[in-house]
């Protein structure tokens, strides 16, 4: 197989590269695209992959062509006027990358699945006084929320701006506390933070839905995606959109450069998800792979090419219900992720425990160097046994997740 992967001196803050199409041919399943070679015609750059999050986030509203003027939108009254007519509620679920981590940074497709068993709930209540936030991470006035909750405030303001017929401005500006709406926001979530399960995107989606519900306004999928991405930029710099698409999708998706296509499973996919208890560092992991490509380009490119082939080849397995084959691909994928340096002793121990307990395949999910492991289970009893084995190997928490068939 011929291939040419572009070099990159830029370290993305998450899986953010949306470069030209990464075509690949799977030696088992046949062609996944028109071109049998694996190739990127241009490298990831700052415009594609982003940099580390900055101290400023997009907070100023701007007008749509048929909306009030931008100058009017920029006033505190434009964002905090009384428009909420009732208590509003919104929800979103977790996500997991099944296959395609790290290859997706260089333009390859990835497969992501919804995890409906883990959920974020947001409740918005109109208030006549200063807005309050009630969450597991902070409780108090909205305008005194800590720095780590800037994505939450961004999501809240962006949704509040939109229900007034305006669009959030993507230009980075400091938060003006006067623009925060007069409402109370309550967030409850069972999605663990900083584990690669889409927690920040799910919170943003739940807030956007709750605000629109409180205002009795409709929210179409594209508008919801845009609002989530506005919040995700505050969290991650320049996100690819895979989290925003998956936390609101009822079915698995094939994600390719911002586009999400549903995958219809031929049989239910039962997984055990294990939280290692340690936070992953996607920036560190992606940077490590980038440096490895500089030091050993041919070997690393071959491994990344194979990750892309595994992901695209697994689509046919999922659609036909070949769960054992999916597990075999996951097993191979984890071995490659270990070889490119994004696993850890802790993750490897949890994966090995799942294999010893009879899983057809287990792997890390997300950036690596911490976070979660997913393992294929044959039935619910086997899923319970896998959870026991993975906890004995060091996992702090485990969940049984079923992705239903079409």
Protein backbone atom coordinates (compact mmCIF):
# COMPACT_ATOMS: atom_id res chain seq x y z
CA UNK A 1 0.00 0.00 0.00
CA UNK A 2 1.35 3.41 -0.92
CA UNK A 3 0.80 6.29 1.43
CA UNK A 4 1.87 9.83 2.23
CA UNK A 5 0.92 11.42 5.51
CA UNK A 6 1.69 15.08 5.98
CA UNK A 7 4.05 16.21 8.70
CA UNK A 8 2.68 18.48 11.38
CA UNK A 9 4.48 20.72 13.82
CA UNK A 10 1.16 21.68 15.38
CA UNK A 11 -0.26 19.80 18.35
CA UNK A 12 -4.07 19.82 18.31
CA UNK A 13 -5.88 20.36 21.57
CA UNK A 14 -8.18 17.44 20.80
CA UNK A 15 -9.22 15.40 17.78
CA UNK A 16 -9.63 18.50 15.69
CA UNK A 17 -8.00 18.02 12.33
CA UNK A 18 -10.43 18.32 9.44
CA UNK A 19 -7.99 18.09 6.55
CA UNK A 20 -8.45 16.48 3.15
CA UNK A 21 -9.96 13.03 2.87
CA UNK A 22 -7.97 10.10 4.23
CA UNK A 23 -8.83 7.20 1.91
CA UNK A 24 -7.93 3.66 2.78
CA UNK A 25 -8.33 0.09 1.62
CA UNK A 26 -8.97 -2.63 4.12
CA UNK A 27 -7.18 -5.84 3.13
CA UNK A 28 -10.04 -7.86 4.62
CA UNK A 29 -13.15 -5.90 3.72
CA UNK A 30 -11.99 -4.27 0.48
CA UNK A 31 -12.00 -0.63 -0.53
CA UNK A 32 -13.42 2.01 1.75
CA UNK A 33 -12.95 4.80 -0.76
CA UNK A 34 -12.22 5.40 -4.39
CA UNK A 35 -8.47 5.73 -3.89
CA UNK A 36 -6.66 2.58 -2.66
CA UNK A 37 -3.84 4.66 -1.20
CA UNK A 38 -3.79 6.26 2.19
CA UNK A 39 -2.98 9.91 1.71
CA UNK A 40 -3.23 13.40 3.05
CA UNK A 41 -2.50 16.18 0.61
CA UNK A 42 -1.90 18.85 3.21
CA UNK A 43 -0.77 18.80 6.83
CA UNK A 44 -2.85 19.62 9.86
CA UNK A 45 -2.39 23.30 10.63
CA UNK A 46 -3.55 25.79 13.18
CA UNK A 47 -6.66 26.46 11.14
CA UNK A 48 -7.53 22.78 11.10
CA UNK A 49 -6.33 21.50 14.43
CA UNK A 50 -6.36 24.56 16.65
CA UNK A 51 -4.10 25.38 19.52
CA UNK A 52 -4.44 25.18 23.26
CA UNK A 53 -7.50 26.90 24.69
CA UNK A 54 -7.02 30.62 25.28
CA UNK A 55 -8.14 32.80 28.13
CA UNK A 56 -10.83 34.37 25.96
CA UNK A 57 -13.97 32.72 24.69
CA UNK A 58 -16.69 33.69 22.20
CA UNK A 59 -19.36 35.52 24.17
CA UNK A 60 -20.60 38.52 22.16
CA UNK A 61 -23.76 38.02 20.11
CA UNK A 62 -24.01 39.04 16.47
CA UNK A 63 -27.11 39.48 14.37
CA UNK A 64 -28.39 37.22 11.65
CA UNK A 65 -29.46 38.94 8.42
CA UNK A 66 -33.07 39.07 9.61
CA UNK A 67 -32.28 39.79 13.25
CA UNK A 68 -31.74 42.99 15.28
CA UNK A 69 -28.51 44.85 14.69
CA UNK A 70 -25.23 43.70 16.15
CA UNK A 71 -24.96 46.88 18.19
CA UNK A 72 -28.30 46.21 19.85
CA UNK A 73 -27.31 42.59 20.38
CA UNK A 74 -24.17 43.65 22.18
CA UNK A 75 -26.01 45.35 25.02
CA UNK A 76 -26.61 43.57 28.32
CA UNK A 77 -30.35 43.98 27.80
CA UNK A 78 -30.15 41.92 24.59
CA UNK A 79 -28.94 38.89 26.51
CA UNK A 80 -30.71 39.25 29.84
CA UNK A 81 -34.21 40.46 28.92
CA UNK A 82 -37.21 38.45 30.15
CA UNK A 83 -37.82 35.82 27.47
CA UNK A 84 -38.11 32.59 29.47
CA UNK A 85 -41.73 31.66 30.00
CA UNK A 86 -41.38 28.49 32.07
CA UNK A 87 -38.97 25.99 33.58
CA UNK A 88 -37.04 24.29 30.80
CA UNK A 89 -35.32 20.92 30.74
CA UNK A 90 -32.74 19.40 28.46
CA UNK A 91 -30.67 16.22 28.31
CA UNK A 92 -27.82 14.64 26.38
CA UNK A 93 -25.86 11.40 26.65
CA UNK A 94 -22.22 10.35 26.72
CA UNK A 95 -20.20 9.08 23.80
CA UNK A 96 -17.27 6.77 23.10
CA UNK A 97 -14.95 6.48 20.14
CA UNK A 98 -15.18 2.85 19.10
CA UNK A 99 -12.39 2.94 16.52
CA UNK A 100 -10.25 5.53 14.80
CA UNK A 101 -8.47 7.46 17.56
CA UNK A 102 -5.36 9.34 16.51
CA UNK A 103 -5.72 8.42 12.83
CA UNK A 104 -8.65 10.85 12.80
CA UNK A 105 -6.21 13.65 13.70
CA UNK A 106 -4.74 13.24 10.22
CA UNK A 107 -8.06 13.28 8.36
CA UNK A 108 -9.20 9.67 8.76
CA UNK A 109 -12.79 8.68 9.58
CA UNK A 110 -13.69 7.45 13.04
CA UNK A 111 -16.58 5.43 14.48
CA UNK A 112 -18.30 6.81 17.57
CA UNK A 113 -21.16 5.39 19.60
CA UNK A 114 -23.74 6.99 21.91
CA UNK A 115 -23.76 5.87 25.53
CA UNK A 116 -27.33 6.41 26.64
CA UNK A 117 -26.70 4.88 30.06
CA UNK A 118 -24.66 7.96 31.09
CA UNK A 119 -26.56 11.24 30.88
CA UNK A 120 -26.45 14.94 31.64
CA UNK A 121 -29.64 16.76 32.71
CA UNK A 122 -30.00 20.56 32.74
CA UNK A 123 -32.86 22.57 34.25
CA UNK A 124 -33.34 26.28 33.61
CA UNK A 125 -35.69 28.37 35.76
CA UNK A 126 -36.51 32.06 35.20
CA UNK A 127 -35.21 34.34 37.96
CA UNK A 128 -35.96 37.92 38.92
CA UNK A 129 -32.51 38.31 40.48
CA UNK A 130 -28.93 37.41 39.62
CA UNK A 131 -28.54 34.02 37.96
CA UNK A 132 -27.39 31.05 40.02
CA UNK A 133 -25.62 27.84 39.10
CA UNK A 134 -26.14 24.56 40.95
CA UNK A 135 -23.80 21.80 39.80
CA UNK A 136 -21.50 19.11 41.15
CA UNK A 137 -18.47 21.29 40.35
CA UNK A 138 -19.74 24.64 41.65
CA UNK A 139 -22.77 26.19 43.34
CA UNK A 140 -23.17 29.95 43.49
CA UNK A 141 -23.77 33.07 41.38
CA UNK A 142 -23.18 32.58 37.67
CA UNK A 143 -20.85 35.55 37.48
CA UNK A 144 -18.52 34.06 40.11
CA UNK A 145 -18.20 30.62 38.52
CA UNK A 146 -14.58 29.39 38.32
CA UNK A 147 -12.48 29.40 35.17
CA UNK A 148 -13.01 25.71 34.45
CA UNK A 149 -16.73 26.41 33.97
CA UNK A 150 -16.24 28.95 31.20
CA UNK A 151 -17.62 26.40 28.65
CA UNK A 152 -20.80 26.16 30.74
CA UNK A 153 -21.24 29.93 30.79
CA UNK A 154 -20.51 30.03 27.07
CA UNK A 155 -23.21 27.45 26.37
CA UNK A 156 -25.71 29.31 28.52
CA UNK A 157 -25.06 32.70 26.95
CA UNK A 158 -24.92 31.34 23.40
CA UNK A 159 -28.32 29.65 23.79
CA UNK A 160 -29.79 32.75 25.46
CA UNK A 161 -28.55 34.93 22.63
CA UNK A 162 -29.99 32.63 20.00
CA UNK A 163 -33.53 32.60 21.39
CA UNK A 164 -33.51 36.37 20.84
CA UNK A 165 -32.99 35.81 17.12
CA UNK A 166 -29.24 36.41 17.23
CA UNK A 167 -26.17 34.29 16.63
CA UNK A 168 -23.26 33.97 19.08
CA UNK A 169 -20.16 35.78 17.85
CA UNK A 170 -17.21 33.44 17.28
CA UNK A 171 -14.69 36.21 17.87
CA UNK A 172 -12.86 35.63 21.14
CA UNK A 173 -13.75 38.26 23.74
CA UNK A 174 -13.74 38.18 27.55
CA UNK A 175 -16.95 37.32 29.34
CA UNK A 176 -19.05 40.35 30.27
CA UNK A 177 -20.93 39.25 33.42
CA UNK A 178 -23.75 41.67 32.54
CA UNK A 179 -24.54 39.52 29.51
CA UNK A 180 -25.33 36.47 31.61
CA UNK A 181 -29.09 35.87 31.66
CA UNK A 182 -31.27 36.19 34.75
CA UNK A 183 -32.00 32.53 35.31
CA UNK A 184 -31.08 29.66 37.55
CA UNK A 185 -29.26 26.70 36.00
CA UNK A 186 -29.11 23.27 37.60
CA UNK A 187 -26.84 20.58 36.11
CA UNK A 188 -26.75 16.95 37.12
CA UNK A 189 -24.61 14.41 35.27
CA UNK A 190 -23.55 10.80 35.54
CA UNK A 191 -20.86 11.28 32.86
CA UNK A 192 -17.41 11.35 34.48
CA UNK A 193 -15.37 14.47 33.76
CA UNK A 194 -12.18 14.39 31.68
CA UNK A 195 -12.49 10.72 30.73
CA UNK A 196 -13.03 11.02 26.98
CA UNK A 197 -16.78 10.37 27.18
CA UNK A 198 -17.97 13.74 25.90
CA UNK A 199 -18.91 15.33 29.21
CA UNK A 200 -18.41 18.95 28.12
CA UNK A 201 -20.34 18.46 24.87
CA UNK A 202 -23.20 16.74 26.69
CA UNK A 203 -23.44 19.59 29.19
CA UNK A 204 -23.55 22.14 26.36
CA UNK A 205 -26.25 20.16 24.54
CA UNK A 206 -28.38 19.81 27.66
CA UNK A 207 -28.11 23.55 28.42
CA UNK A 208 -29.03 24.53 24.87
CA UNK A 209 -32.07 22.28 24.93
CA UNK A 210 -33.15 23.49 28.37
CA UNK A 211 -32.95 27.18 27.42
CA UNK A 212 -34.94 26.62 24.24
CA UNK A 213 -37.49 24.56 26.14
CA UNK A 214 -37.87 27.35 28.72
CA UNK A 215 -38.40 29.87 25.93
CA UNK A 216 -40.73 27.47 24.06
CA UNK A 217 -38.52 27.74 20.99
CA UNK A 218 -37.64 24.99 18.53
CA UNK A 219 -34.04 23.89 18.10
CA UNK A 220 -33.10 22.08 14.89
CA UNK A 221 -30.11 19.68 14.78
CA UNK A 222 -27.80 22.04 12.91
CA UNK A 223 -28.49 24.90 15.29
CA UNK A 224 -27.92 22.58 18.25
CA UNK A 225 -24.63 21.42 16.77
CA UNK A 226 -23.53 25.03 16.29
CA UNK A 227 -24.34 25.92 19.90
CA UNK A 228 -22.45 22.90 21.24
CA UNK A 229 -19.44 23.78 19.11
CA UNK A 230 -19.46 27.33 20.46
CA UNK A 231 -19.12 25.90 23.97
CA UNK A 232 -16.61 23.27 22.88
CA UNK A 233 -14.34 25.95 21.44
CA UNK A 234 -14.18 27.44 24.93
CA UNK A 235 -13.24 24.00 26.26
CA UNK A 236 -10.92 22.66 23.57
CA UNK A 237 -9.84 25.43 21.22
CA UNK A 238 -10.92 24.07 17.82
CA UNK A 239 -12.90 20.84 18.21
CA UNK A 240 -13.57 18.52 15.29
CA UNK A 241 -17.26 18.11 16.14
CA UNK A 242 -17.22 14.36 16.78
CA UNK A 243 -18.35 14.86 20.39
CA UNK A 244 -21.03 17.39 19.42
CA UNK A 245 -22.44 15.02 16.82
CA UNK A 246 -22.36 11.88 18.95
CA UNK A 247 -23.81 13.19 22.24
CA UNK A 248 -27.00 14.11 20.36
CA UNK A 249 -27.13 11.11 18.02
CA UNK A 250 -29.39 8.17 18.91
CA UNK A 251 -27.25 5.77 16.85
CA UNK A 252 -23.56 5.11 16.10
CA UNK A 253 -21.97 7.37 13.51
CA UNK A 254 -19.15 7.38 11.02
CA UNK A 255 -17.54 10.76 11.50
CA UNK A 256 -15.47 12.18 8.66
CA UNK A 257 -14.22 15.79 8.64
CA UNK A 258 -17.31 17.19 10.34
CA UNK A 259 -19.82 15.01 8.51
CA UNK A 260 -21.68 12.33 10.49
CA UNK A 261 -23.42 9.40 8.84
CA UNK A 262 -25.51 6.93 10.87
CA UNK A 263 -24.49 3.29 11.10
CA UNK A 264 -27.30 0.71 11.33
CA UNK A 265 -26.16 -2.17 13.53
CA UNK A 266 -27.14 -5.65 12.42
CA UNK A 267 -27.06 -6.92 16.01
CA UNK A 268 -26.89 -5.24 19.42
CA UNK A 269 -23.40 -4.33 20.59
CA UNK A 270 -22.91 -4.94 24.31
CA UNK A 271 -19.95 -3.23 25.92
CA UNK A 272 -18.45 -2.88 29.36
CA UNK A 273 -17.03 0.61 29.90
CA UNK A 274 -14.37 0.96 32.58
CA UNK A 275 -13.17 4.23 34.10
CA UNK A 276 -9.48 3.97 34.90
CA UNK A 277 -9.86 6.71 37.49
CA UNK A 278 -7.19 8.90 35.90
CA UNK A 279 -7.73 11.81 33.55
CA UNK A 280 -6.48 11.46 30.01
CA UNK A 281 -4.42 14.15 28.29
CA UNK A 282 -5.38 14.32 24.62
CA UNK A 283 -3.01 17.20 23.96
CA UNK A 284 -0.10 15.25 25.42
CA UNK A 285 -1.07 12.06 23.60
CA UNK A 286 -1.51 13.71 20.20
CA UNK A 287 1.73 15.60 20.68
CA UNK A 288 3.53 12.37 21.46
CA UNK A 289 2.27 10.73 18.27
CA UNK A 290 3.32 13.80 16.29
CA UNK A 291 6.85 13.62 17.70
CA UNK A 292 6.98 9.90 17.01
CA UNK A 293 6.12 10.56 13.36
CA UNK A 294 9.06 12.95 13.18
CA UNK A 295 11.42 10.38 14.66
CA UNK A 296 10.11 7.25 12.86
CA UNK A 297 7.88 8.45 10.01
CA UNK A 298 7.53 5.25 7.98
CA UNK A 299 6.76 3.00 10.94
CA UNK A 300 4.35 5.46 12.55
CA UNK A 301 2.54 6.23 9.30
CA UNK A 302 2.05 2.52 8.68
CA UNK A 303 0.49 2.13 12.12
CA UNK A 304 -1.80 5.12 11.63
CA UNK A 305 -2.80 3.81 8.21
CA UNK A 306 -3.77 0.52 9.78
CA UNK A 307 -5.88 2.27 12.42
CA UNK A 308 -7.77 3.97 9.59
CA UNK A 309 -8.30 0.65 7.80
CA UNK A 310 -9.56 -1.00 10.98
CA UNK A 311 -12.13 1.74 11.54
CA UNK A 312 -13.52 1.75 8.01
CA UNK A 313 -13.46 -2.03 7.76
CA UNK A 314 -15.45 -2.35 10.99
CA UNK A 315 -18.47 -0.62 9.47
CA UNK A 316 -19.38 -3.72 7.45
CA UNK A 317 -18.94 -5.86 10.57
CA UNK A 318 -21.26 -3.62 12.57
CA UNK A 319 -23.88 -3.56 9.84
CA UNK A 320 -23.84 -7.36 9.51
CA UNK A 321 -23.88 -7.95 13.26
CA UNK A 322 -20.43 -9.60 13.32
CA UNK A 323 -19.70 -8.68 16.93
CA UNK A 324 -16.76 -11.08 17.29
CA UNK A 325 -15.09 -9.47 14.27
CA UNK A 326 -15.61 -6.03 15.79
CA UNK A 327 -13.92 -7.29 18.95
CA UNK A 328 -10.96 -8.61 16.96
CA UNK A 329 -10.54 -5.21 15.34
CA UNK A 330 -10.67 -3.51 18.73
CA UNK A 331 -8.00 -5.85 20.05
CA UNK A 332 -5.70 -5.02 17.13
CA UNK A 333 -6.44 -1.31 17.46
CA UNK A 334 -5.41 -1.25 21.11
CA UNK A 335 -2.16 -3.00 20.26
CA UNK A 336 -1.41 -0.27 17.72
CA UNK A 337 -2.38 2.50 20.14
CA UNK A 338 0.01 0.94 22.67
CA UNK A 339 2.78 0.89 20.05
CA UNK A 340 2.34 4.56 19.17
CA UNK A 341 2.65 5.42 22.86
CA UNK A 342 -0.83 6.57 23.92
CA UNK A 343 -1.71 3.71 26.26
CA UNK A 344 -0.42 3.30 29.80
CA UNK A 345 0.39 0.48 32.18
CA UNK A 346 -2.93 1.06 33.91
CA UNK A 347 -4.96 0.97 30.69
CA UNK A 348 -3.06 -2.07 29.43
CA UNK A 349 -3.77 -3.92 32.68
CA UNK A 350 -7.51 -3.23 32.38
CA UNK A 351 -7.53 -4.30 28.72
CA UNK A 352 -5.61 -7.50 29.53
CA UNK A 353 -8.03 -8.30 32.34
CA UNK A 354 -10.98 -7.98 29.94
CA UNK A 355 -9.29 -10.32 27.45
CA UNK A 356 -8.54 -12.88 30.16
CA UNK A 357 -12.20 -12.71 31.19
CA UNK A 358 -13.23 -13.71 27.66
CA UNK A 359 -13.90 -10.43 25.86
CA UNK A 360 -13.50 -10.75 22.08
CA UNK A 361 -11.78 -7.38 22.17
CA UNK A 362 -11.01 -4.44 24.44
CA UNK A 363 -9.21 -1.15 23.92
CA UNK A 364 -8.71 2.32 25.27
CA UNK A 365 -11.16 4.91 23.99
CA UNK A 366 -10.31 8.52 23.24
CA UNK A 367 -6.94 10.22 23.50
CA UNK A 368 -5.40 7.76 25.93
CA UNK A 369 -2.80 8.17 28.70
CA UNK A 370 -5.78 7.75 31.04
CA UNK A 371 -9.54 7.85 30.65
CA UNK A 372 -11.62 4.79 29.83
CA UNK A 373 -11.47 1.30 28.36
CA UNK A 374 -14.27 -0.39 26.40
CA UNK A 375 -14.66 -4.17 26.07
CA UNK A 376 -17.05 -6.28 23.99
CA UNK A 377 -19.32 -8.56 26.04
CA UNK A 378 -21.28 -11.56 24.75
CA UNK A 379 -24.30 -11.09 27.05
CA UNK A 380 -25.31 -9.22 30.19
CA UNK A 381 -23.91 -11.87 32.53
CA UNK A 382 -20.61 -11.72 30.67
CA UNK A 383 -20.68 -7.92 30.88
CA UNK A 384 -21.02 -8.16 34.65
CA UNK A 385 -18.10 -10.59 34.80
CA UNK A 386 -16.00 -8.27 32.65
CA UNK A 387 -16.80 -5.40 34.99
CA UNK A 388 -15.66 -7.44 37.99
CA UNK A 389 -12.42 -8.38 36.25
CA UNK A 390 -11.69 -4.84 35.10
CA UNK A 391 -12.30 -3.41 38.58
CA UNK A 392 -9.93 -5.98 40.07
CA UNK A 393 -7.36 -4.76 37.55
CA UNK A 394 -7.69 -1.20 38.80
CA UNK A 395 -10.77 0.35 37.18
CA UNK A 396 -12.67 2.61 39.57
CA UNK A 397 -16.09 2.27 37.96
CA UNK A 398 -17.66 0.14 35.24
CA UNK A 399 -20.91 0.35 33.28
CA UNK A 400 -22.73 -2.03 30.97
CA UNK A 401 -23.68 -0.29 27.74
CA UNK A 402 -25.92 -1.64 24.99
CA UNK A 403 -25.93 -0.11 21.55
CA UNK A 404 -29.15 -1.49 20.02
CA UNK A 405 -29.51 -2.88 16.54
CA UNK A 406 -31.43 -1.03 13.85
